[in-house]
Amino acid sequence: MNTVRLVRSRTLAEHVEYAYAASVPNPARVVWTAGACPLDESGATVAVGDHAGQAHQVMRNLRTALRDAGAELSDVVKTTVYVASSRQEDLVAVWDVVREHMGDHDAPSTLLGVSVLGYDHQLVEVEAVAVVAEG
């Protein structure tokens, strides 16, 4: 049973690739993730210089972190996507990868261009909040 109810607005733009809000009934357990980074098992940054390649690794790492906490991508109620770029096409390339991994579950999200991220050669980071039913 999916605990998350995605909310679409009848008065805001219809042609966006995400829900405008999400709600969850009680009781539920909330999972906050750290920002998932484009690191491999040894801690090295993958796909240096490739926004989309890093986004794929980030989403694989996010899925793993969620599963380790007892959640799935379909339990996500909100994501924040950080892209180290001032170019809109780089943000769109990352967003396309995030949407691919999220599938039909178009949870509310914020997409940001930032000047720098924490690891050497890091271009992408995604953090999420997920909610799973208790009981």
N, C-alpha and C. Protein backbone atom coordinates (compact mmCIF):
# COMPACT_ATOMS: atom_id res chain seq x y z
N MET A 1 0.85 -1.19 0.00
CA MET A 1 0.00 0.00 0.00
C MET A 1 0.89 1.24 0.00
N ASN A 2 0.64 2.14 -0.91
CA ASN A 2 1.40 3.38 -0.98
C ASN A 2 0.81 4.38 0.00
N THR A 3 1.63 4.89 0.89
CA THR A 3 1.20 5.83 1.92
C THR A 3 1.10 7.25 1.39
N VAL A 4 1.87 7.56 0.38
CA VAL A 4 1.97 8.92 -0.13
C VAL A 4 0.83 9.23 -1.10
N ARG A 5 0.15 10.36 -0.88
CA ARG A 5 -0.86 10.83 -1.83
C ARG A 5 -0.32 12.10 -2.47
N LEU A 6 -0.07 12.03 -3.78
CA LEU A 6 0.42 13.19 -4.50
C LEU A 6 -0.75 14.10 -4.85
N VAL A 7 -0.56 15.40 -4.67
CA VAL A 7 -1.63 16.39 -4.83
C VAL A 7 -1.35 17.23 -6.07
N ARG A 8 -2.32 17.28 -6.95
CA ARG A 8 -2.24 18.13 -8.13
C ARG A 8 -3.20 19.29 -7.96
N SER A 9 -2.80 20.44 -8.44
CA SER A 9 -3.62 21.64 -8.30
C SER A 9 -4.56 21.77 -9.49
N ARG A 10 -5.75 22.21 -9.24
CA ARG A 10 -6.69 22.50 -10.32
C ARG A 10 -6.57 23.93 -10.81
N THR A 11 -5.80 24.75 -10.10
CA THR A 11 -5.69 26.16 -10.46
C THR A 11 -4.28 26.56 -10.91
N LEU A 12 -3.26 25.72 -10.66
CA LEU A 12 -1.90 26.01 -11.11
C LEU A 12 -1.66 25.33 -12.47
N ALA A 13 -0.56 25.62 -13.09
CA ALA A 13 -0.24 25.05 -14.40
C ALA A 13 -0.34 23.54 -14.38
N GLU A 14 -1.00 22.97 -15.39
CA GLU A 14 -1.22 21.53 -15.46
C GLU A 14 -0.04 20.77 -16.04
N HIS A 15 0.81 21.40 -16.82
CA HIS A 15 1.81 20.69 -17.60
C HIS A 15 3.19 20.71 -16.96
N VAL A 16 3.24 20.47 -15.65
CA VAL A 16 4.52 20.35 -14.95
C VAL A 16 4.77 18.87 -14.70
N GLU A 17 6.04 18.52 -14.53
CA GLU A 17 6.43 17.12 -14.37
C GLU A 17 6.55 16.69 -12.92
N TYR A 18 5.70 17.23 -12.07
CA TYR A 18 5.73 16.87 -10.66
C TYR A 18 4.40 17.29 -10.02
N ALA A 19 4.07 16.63 -8.93
CA ALA A 19 2.91 17.04 -8.14
C ALA A 19 3.29 18.32 -7.39
N TYR A 20 2.29 19.13 -7.08
CA TYR A 20 2.56 20.37 -6.36
C TYR A 20 2.72 20.16 -4.85
N ALA A 21 2.18 19.07 -4.35
CA ALA A 21 2.27 18.79 -2.92
C ALA A 21 2.09 17.29 -2.71
N ALA A 22 2.35 16.85 -1.49
CA ALA A 22 2.14 15.45 -1.12
C ALA A 22 1.62 15.43 0.31
N SER A 23 0.76 14.44 0.59
CA SER A 23 0.26 14.30 1.96
C SER A 23 0.36 12.84 2.38
N VAL A 24 0.41 12.65 3.70
CA VAL A 24 0.57 11.32 4.26
C VAL A 24 -0.31 11.21 5.49
N PRO A 25 -1.10 10.13 5.60
CA PRO A 25 -1.92 9.96 6.80
C PRO A 25 -1.07 9.47 7.98
N ASN A 26 -1.58 9.63 9.18
CA ASN A 26 -0.93 9.06 10.36
C ASN A 26 -1.45 7.66 10.58
N PRO A 27 -0.76 6.78 11.23
CA PRO A 27 0.63 6.93 11.66
C PRO A 27 1.58 6.59 10.52
N ALA A 28 2.68 7.24 10.49
CA ALA A 28 3.69 7.01 9.46
C ALA A 28 5.08 7.25 10.03
N ARG A 29 6.07 6.67 9.38
CA ARG A 29 7.46 6.85 9.75
C ARG A 29 8.12 7.68 8.67
N VAL A 30 8.82 8.73 9.06
CA VAL A 30 9.47 9.63 8.11
C VAL A 30 10.95 9.26 7.98
N VAL A 31 11.42 9.25 6.74
CA VAL A 31 12.83 8.97 6.44
C VAL A 31 13.41 10.20 5.73
N TRP A 32 14.43 10.80 6.31
CA TRP A 32 15.14 11.91 5.68
C TRP A 32 16.47 11.35 5.19
N THR A 33 16.82 11.62 3.95
CA THR A 33 18.11 11.16 3.47
C THR A 33 19.10 12.31 3.44
N ALA A 34 20.35 11.95 3.59
CA ALA A 34 21.42 12.90 3.28
C ALA A 34 21.41 13.07 1.77
N GLY A 35 22.07 14.08 1.29
CA GLY A 35 22.17 14.23 -0.15
C GLY A 35 22.91 13.05 -0.75
N ALA A 36 22.26 12.37 -1.71
CA ALA A 36 22.92 11.27 -2.41
C ALA A 36 23.90 11.87 -3.41
N CYS A 37 25.11 11.32 -3.43
CA CYS A 37 26.18 11.87 -4.24
C CYS A 37 26.59 10.86 -5.32
N PRO A 38 27.31 11.32 -6.35
CA PRO A 38 27.72 10.42 -7.44
C PRO A 38 29.00 9.67 -7.12
N LEU A 39 28.98 8.93 -6.03
CA LEU A 39 30.17 8.21 -5.59
C LEU A 39 29.99 6.71 -5.81
N ASP A 40 31.09 6.03 -6.17
CA ASP A 40 31.04 4.58 -6.28
C ASP A 40 31.35 3.97 -4.91
N GLU A 41 31.44 2.64 -4.87
CA GLU A 41 31.65 1.93 -3.60
C GLU A 41 32.95 2.32 -2.90
N SER A 42 33.93 2.78 -3.67
CA SER A 42 35.21 3.16 -3.07
C SER A 42 35.25 4.63 -2.65
N GLY A 43 34.17 5.38 -2.95
CA GLY A 43 34.11 6.79 -2.59
C GLY A 43 34.62 7.73 -3.66
N ALA A 44 34.89 7.20 -4.86
CA ALA A 44 35.35 8.04 -5.97
C ALA A 44 34.16 8.62 -6.72
N THR A 45 34.29 9.84 -7.18
CA THR A 45 33.26 10.48 -8.00
C THR A 45 33.25 9.83 -9.38
N VAL A 46 32.08 9.40 -9.83
CA VAL A 46 31.94 8.77 -11.14
C VAL A 46 31.53 9.80 -12.19
N ALA A 47 31.67 9.43 -13.44
CA ALA A 47 31.19 10.23 -14.58
C ALA A 47 31.63 11.69 -14.49
N VAL A 48 32.90 11.90 -14.26
CA VAL A 48 33.44 13.26 -14.14
C VAL A 48 33.09 14.06 -15.40
N GLY A 49 32.49 15.24 -15.21
CA GLY A 49 32.12 16.11 -16.31
C GLY A 49 30.81 15.78 -16.98
N ASP A 50 30.11 14.74 -16.53
CA ASP A 50 28.88 14.25 -17.16
C ASP A 50 27.70 14.38 -16.20
N HIS A 51 26.90 15.42 -16.36
CA HIS A 51 25.76 15.65 -15.47
C HIS A 51 24.80 14.46 -15.43
N ALA A 52 24.41 13.96 -16.59
CA ALA A 52 23.45 12.85 -16.64
C ALA A 52 24.06 11.58 -16.05
N GLY A 53 25.31 11.30 -16.37
CA GLY A 53 25.97 10.12 -15.81
C GLY A 53 26.04 10.17 -14.30
N GLN A 54 26.34 11.34 -13.75
CA GLN A 54 26.36 11.47 -12.30
C GLN A 54 24.96 11.33 -11.72
N ALA A 55 23.96 11.86 -12.42
CA ALA A 55 22.58 11.78 -11.92
C ALA A 55 22.13 10.32 -11.81
N HIS A 56 22.51 9.48 -12.76
CA HIS A 56 22.16 8.05 -12.68
C HIS A 56 22.77 7.42 -11.43
N GLN A 57 24.05 7.71 -11.15
CA GLN A 57 24.69 7.15 -9.96
C GLN A 57 24.03 7.69 -8.69
N VAL A 58 23.72 8.97 -8.69
CA VAL A 58 23.06 9.58 -7.53
C VAL A 58 21.74 8.87 -7.25
N MET A 59 20.95 8.63 -8.28
CA MET A 59 19.64 8.00 -8.07
C MET A 59 19.79 6.54 -7.63
N ARG A 60 20.79 5.84 -8.13
CA ARG A 60 21.04 4.47 -7.65
C ARG A 60 21.42 4.52 -6.16
N ASN A 61 22.27 5.48 -5.79
CA ASN A 61 22.67 5.60 -4.38
C ASN A 61 21.50 6.02 -3.50
N LEU A 62 20.64 6.90 -4.00
CA LEU A 62 19.46 7.31 -3.25
C LEU A 62 18.54 6.12 -3.02
N ARG A 63 18.31 5.33 -4.06
CA ARG A 63 17.46 4.13 -3.93
C ARG A 63 18.02 3.19 -2.87
N THR A 64 19.34 3.00 -2.87
CA THR A 64 19.97 2.13 -1.89
C THR A 64 19.79 2.67 -0.47
N ALA A 65 20.03 3.96 -0.28
CA ALA A 65 19.87 4.56 1.06
C ALA A 65 18.44 4.42 1.54
N LEU A 66 17.48 4.66 0.66
CA LEU A 66 16.07 4.51 1.04
C LEU A 66 15.75 3.07 1.42
N ARG A 67 16.20 2.12 0.62
CA ARG A 67 15.93 0.70 0.92
C ARG A 67 16.55 0.29 2.25
N ASP A 68 17.77 0.79 2.51
CA ASP A 68 18.42 0.48 3.79
C ASP A 68 17.61 1.02 4.97
N ALA A 69 16.81 2.06 4.72
CA ALA A 69 15.96 2.65 5.76
C ALA A 69 14.54 2.10 5.71
N GLY A 70 14.28 1.11 4.84
CA GLY A 70 12.96 0.50 4.76
C GLY A 70 11.98 1.26 3.89
N ALA A 71 12.47 2.02 2.92
CA ALA A 71 11.61 2.82 2.05
C ALA A 71 12.00 2.58 0.59
N GLU A 72 11.18 3.07 -0.31
CA GLU A 72 11.41 2.98 -1.75
C GLU A 72 11.24 4.37 -2.36
N LEU A 73 11.63 4.52 -3.61
CA LEU A 73 11.42 5.79 -4.30
C LEU A 73 9.94 6.16 -4.33
N SER A 74 9.05 5.18 -4.38
CA SER A 74 7.61 5.45 -4.40
C SER A 74 7.10 5.98 -3.06
N ASP A 75 7.92 5.94 -2.02
CA ASP A 75 7.55 6.49 -0.71
C ASP A 75 8.02 7.94 -0.55
N VAL A 76 8.73 8.47 -1.53
CA VAL A 76 9.28 9.82 -1.44
C VAL A 76 8.15 10.84 -1.53
N VAL A 77 8.17 11.81 -0.60
CA VAL A 77 7.19 12.90 -0.63
C VAL A 77 7.80 14.20 -1.12
N LYS A 78 9.14 14.31 -1.17
CA LYS A 78 9.79 15.55 -1.60
C LYS A 78 11.24 15.27 -1.91
N THR A 79 11.72 15.83 -3.02
CA THR A 79 13.15 15.79 -3.31
C THR A 79 13.67 17.20 -3.54
N THR A 80 14.95 17.36 -3.32
CA THR A 80 15.66 18.57 -3.72
C THR A 80 16.84 18.12 -4.56
N VAL A 81 16.94 18.67 -5.76
CA VAL A 81 17.96 18.28 -6.73
C VAL A 81 18.91 19.46 -6.92
N TYR A 82 20.17 19.24 -6.62
CA TYR A 82 21.20 20.26 -6.75
C TYR A 82 22.08 19.93 -7.95
N VAL A 83 22.30 20.92 -8.81
CA VAL A 83 23.14 20.75 -9.99
C VAL A 83 24.18 21.86 -10.01
N ALA A 84 25.44 21.49 -10.02
CA ALA A 84 26.52 22.49 -10.05
C ALA A 84 26.66 23.00 -11.48
N SER A 85 25.84 23.98 -11.82
CA SER A 85 25.87 24.58 -13.14
C SER A 85 24.98 25.81 -13.15
N SER A 86 25.32 26.74 -14.01
CA SER A 86 24.44 27.89 -14.24
C SER A 86 23.72 27.75 -15.58
N ARG A 87 23.89 26.61 -16.23
CA ARG A 87 23.26 26.37 -17.53
C ARG A 87 21.97 25.56 -17.37
N GLN A 88 20.88 26.12 -17.86
CA GLN A 88 19.58 25.46 -17.72
C GLN A 88 19.58 24.08 -18.38
N GLU A 89 20.28 23.92 -19.49
CA GLU A 89 20.29 22.61 -20.15
C GLU A 89 20.93 21.53 -19.28
N ASP A 90 21.88 21.89 -18.43
CA ASP A 90 22.46 20.91 -17.50
C ASP A 90 21.44 20.52 -16.44
N LEU A 91 20.69 21.50 -15.95
CA LEU A 91 19.64 21.20 -14.97
C LEU A 91 18.59 20.30 -15.59
N VAL A 92 18.19 20.57 -16.81
CA VAL A 92 17.18 19.76 -17.50
C VAL A 92 17.70 18.34 -17.72
N ALA A 93 18.96 18.19 -18.08
CA ALA A 93 19.54 16.85 -18.29
C ALA A 93 19.48 16.03 -17.00
N VAL A 94 19.80 16.66 -15.89
CA VAL A 94 19.73 15.97 -14.60
C VAL A 94 18.28 15.66 -14.25
N TRP A 95 17.39 16.63 -14.45
CA TRP A 95 15.98 16.43 -14.13
C TRP A 95 15.42 15.25 -14.93
N ASP A 96 15.78 15.13 -16.20
CA ASP A 96 15.30 14.01 -17.02
C ASP A 96 15.70 12.67 -16.42
N VAL A 97 16.91 12.58 -15.89
CA VAL A 97 17.37 11.33 -15.26
C VAL A 97 16.60 11.07 -13.96
N VAL A 98 16.42 12.10 -13.16
CA VAL A 98 15.67 11.94 -11.91
C VAL A 98 14.26 11.45 -12.22
N ARG A 99 13.60 12.07 -13.18
CA ARG A 99 12.23 11.67 -13.57
C ARG A 99 12.21 10.23 -14.07
N GLU A 100 13.22 9.83 -14.83
CA GLU A 100 13.30 8.45 -15.32
C GLU A 100 13.31 7.47 -14.15
N HIS A 101 14.12 7.76 -13.15
CA HIS A 101 14.22 6.86 -11.99
C HIS A 101 12.96 6.89 -11.12
N MET A 102 12.31 8.03 -11.04
CA MET A 102 11.10 8.16 -10.22
C MET A 102 9.89 7.54 -10.91
N GLY A 103 9.93 7.38 -12.23
CA GLY A 103 8.82 6.77 -12.96
C GLY A 103 7.56 7.61 -12.83
N ASP A 104 6.45 6.93 -12.60
CA ASP A 104 5.15 7.61 -12.49
C ASP A 104 4.99 8.36 -11.17
N HIS A 105 5.89 8.14 -10.24
CA HIS A 105 5.79 8.78 -8.92
C HIS A 105 6.44 10.17 -9.00
N ASP A 106 5.67 11.14 -9.42
CA ASP A 106 6.19 12.49 -9.67
C ASP A 106 6.04 13.38 -8.43
N ALA A 107 6.75 12.98 -7.38
CA ALA A 107 6.70 13.69 -6.10
C ALA A 107 7.14 15.15 -6.27
N PRO A 108 6.65 16.04 -5.41
CA PRO A 108 7.11 17.43 -5.44
C PRO A 108 8.63 17.48 -5.35
N SER A 109 9.21 18.43 -6.07
CA SER A 109 10.66 18.53 -6.10
C SER A 109 11.07 19.98 -6.33
N THR A 110 12.27 20.29 -5.89
CA THR A 110 12.89 21.57 -6.17
C THR A 110 14.19 21.27 -6.92
N LEU A 111 14.40 21.98 -8.03
CA LEU A 111 15.59 21.82 -8.86
C LEU A 111 16.38 23.11 -8.79
N LEU A 112 17.64 23.01 -8.35
CA LEU A 112 18.47 24.20 -8.13
C LEU A 112 19.80 24.11 -8.86
N GLY A 113 20.20 25.21 -9.45
CA GLY A 113 21.56 25.35 -9.94
C GLY A 113 22.39 26.00 -8.84
N VAL A 114 23.52 25.38 -8.51
CA VAL A 114 24.38 25.89 -7.45
C VAL A 114 25.80 26.06 -7.99
N SER A 115 26.63 26.79 -7.27
CA SER A 115 27.98 27.05 -7.78
C SER A 115 28.95 25.90 -7.55
N VAL A 116 28.79 25.17 -6.46
CA VAL A 116 29.73 24.09 -6.15
C VAL A 116 29.08 23.11 -5.20
N LEU A 117 29.50 21.85 -5.28
CA LEU A 117 29.06 20.81 -4.35
C LEU A 117 30.29 20.23 -3.65
N GLY A 118 30.08 19.41 -2.65
CA GLY A 118 31.13 19.06 -1.70
C GLY A 118 32.27 18.18 -2.13
N TYR A 119 32.06 17.26 -3.06
CA TYR A 119 33.13 16.34 -3.45
C TYR A 119 33.85 16.84 -4.71
N ASP A 120 35.10 16.42 -4.87
CA ASP A 120 35.85 16.78 -6.08
C ASP A 120 35.07 16.32 -7.31
N HIS A 121 34.90 17.20 -8.28
CA HIS A 121 34.26 16.91 -9.57
C HIS A 121 32.77 16.59 -9.45
N GLN A 122 32.16 16.84 -8.30
CA GLN A 122 30.74 16.54 -8.11
C GLN A 122 29.88 17.59 -8.82
N LEU A 123 28.91 17.11 -9.61
CA LEU A 123 27.99 17.98 -10.34
C LEU A 123 26.55 17.85 -9.89
N VAL A 124 26.19 16.75 -9.20
CA VAL A 124 24.79 16.45 -8.88
C VAL A 124 24.69 15.92 -7.45
N GLU A 125 23.59 16.31 -6.78
CA GLU A 125 23.25 15.76 -5.47
C GLU A 125 21.73 15.80 -5.34
N VAL A 126 21.15 14.75 -4.76
CA VAL A 126 19.70 14.70 -4.56
C VAL A 126 19.42 14.25 -3.13
N GLU A 127 18.61 15.03 -2.41
CA GLU A 127 18.16 14.62 -1.09
C GLU A 127 16.66 14.38 -1.16
N ALA A 128 16.17 13.52 -0.26
CA ALA A 128 14.77 13.16 -0.30
C ALA A 128 14.19 13.01 1.09
N VAL A 129 12.88 13.18 1.17
CA VAL A 129 12.11 12.84 2.36
C VAL A 129 11.10 11.79 1.92
N ALA A 130 11.05 10.69 2.64
CA ALA A 130 10.12 9.61 2.32
C ALA A 130 9.27 9.31 3.55
N VAL A 131 8.10 8.75 3.33
CA VAL A 131 7.21 8.38 4.43
C VAL A 131 6.68 6.98 4.16
N VAL A 132 6.75 6.13 5.19
CA VAL A 132 6.23 4.77 5.07
C VAL A 132 5.20 4.54 6.18
N ALA A 133 4.22 3.73 5.87
CA ALA A 133 3.16 3.42 6.84
C ALA A 133 3.73 2.64 8.00
N GLU A 134 3.27 2.91 9.19
CA GLU A 134 3.65 2.15 10.37
C GLU A 134 2.57 1.12 10.65
N GLY A 135 3.02 -0.01 11.12
CA GLY A 135 2.05 -1.01 11.55
C GLY A 135 1.80 -2.12 10.65
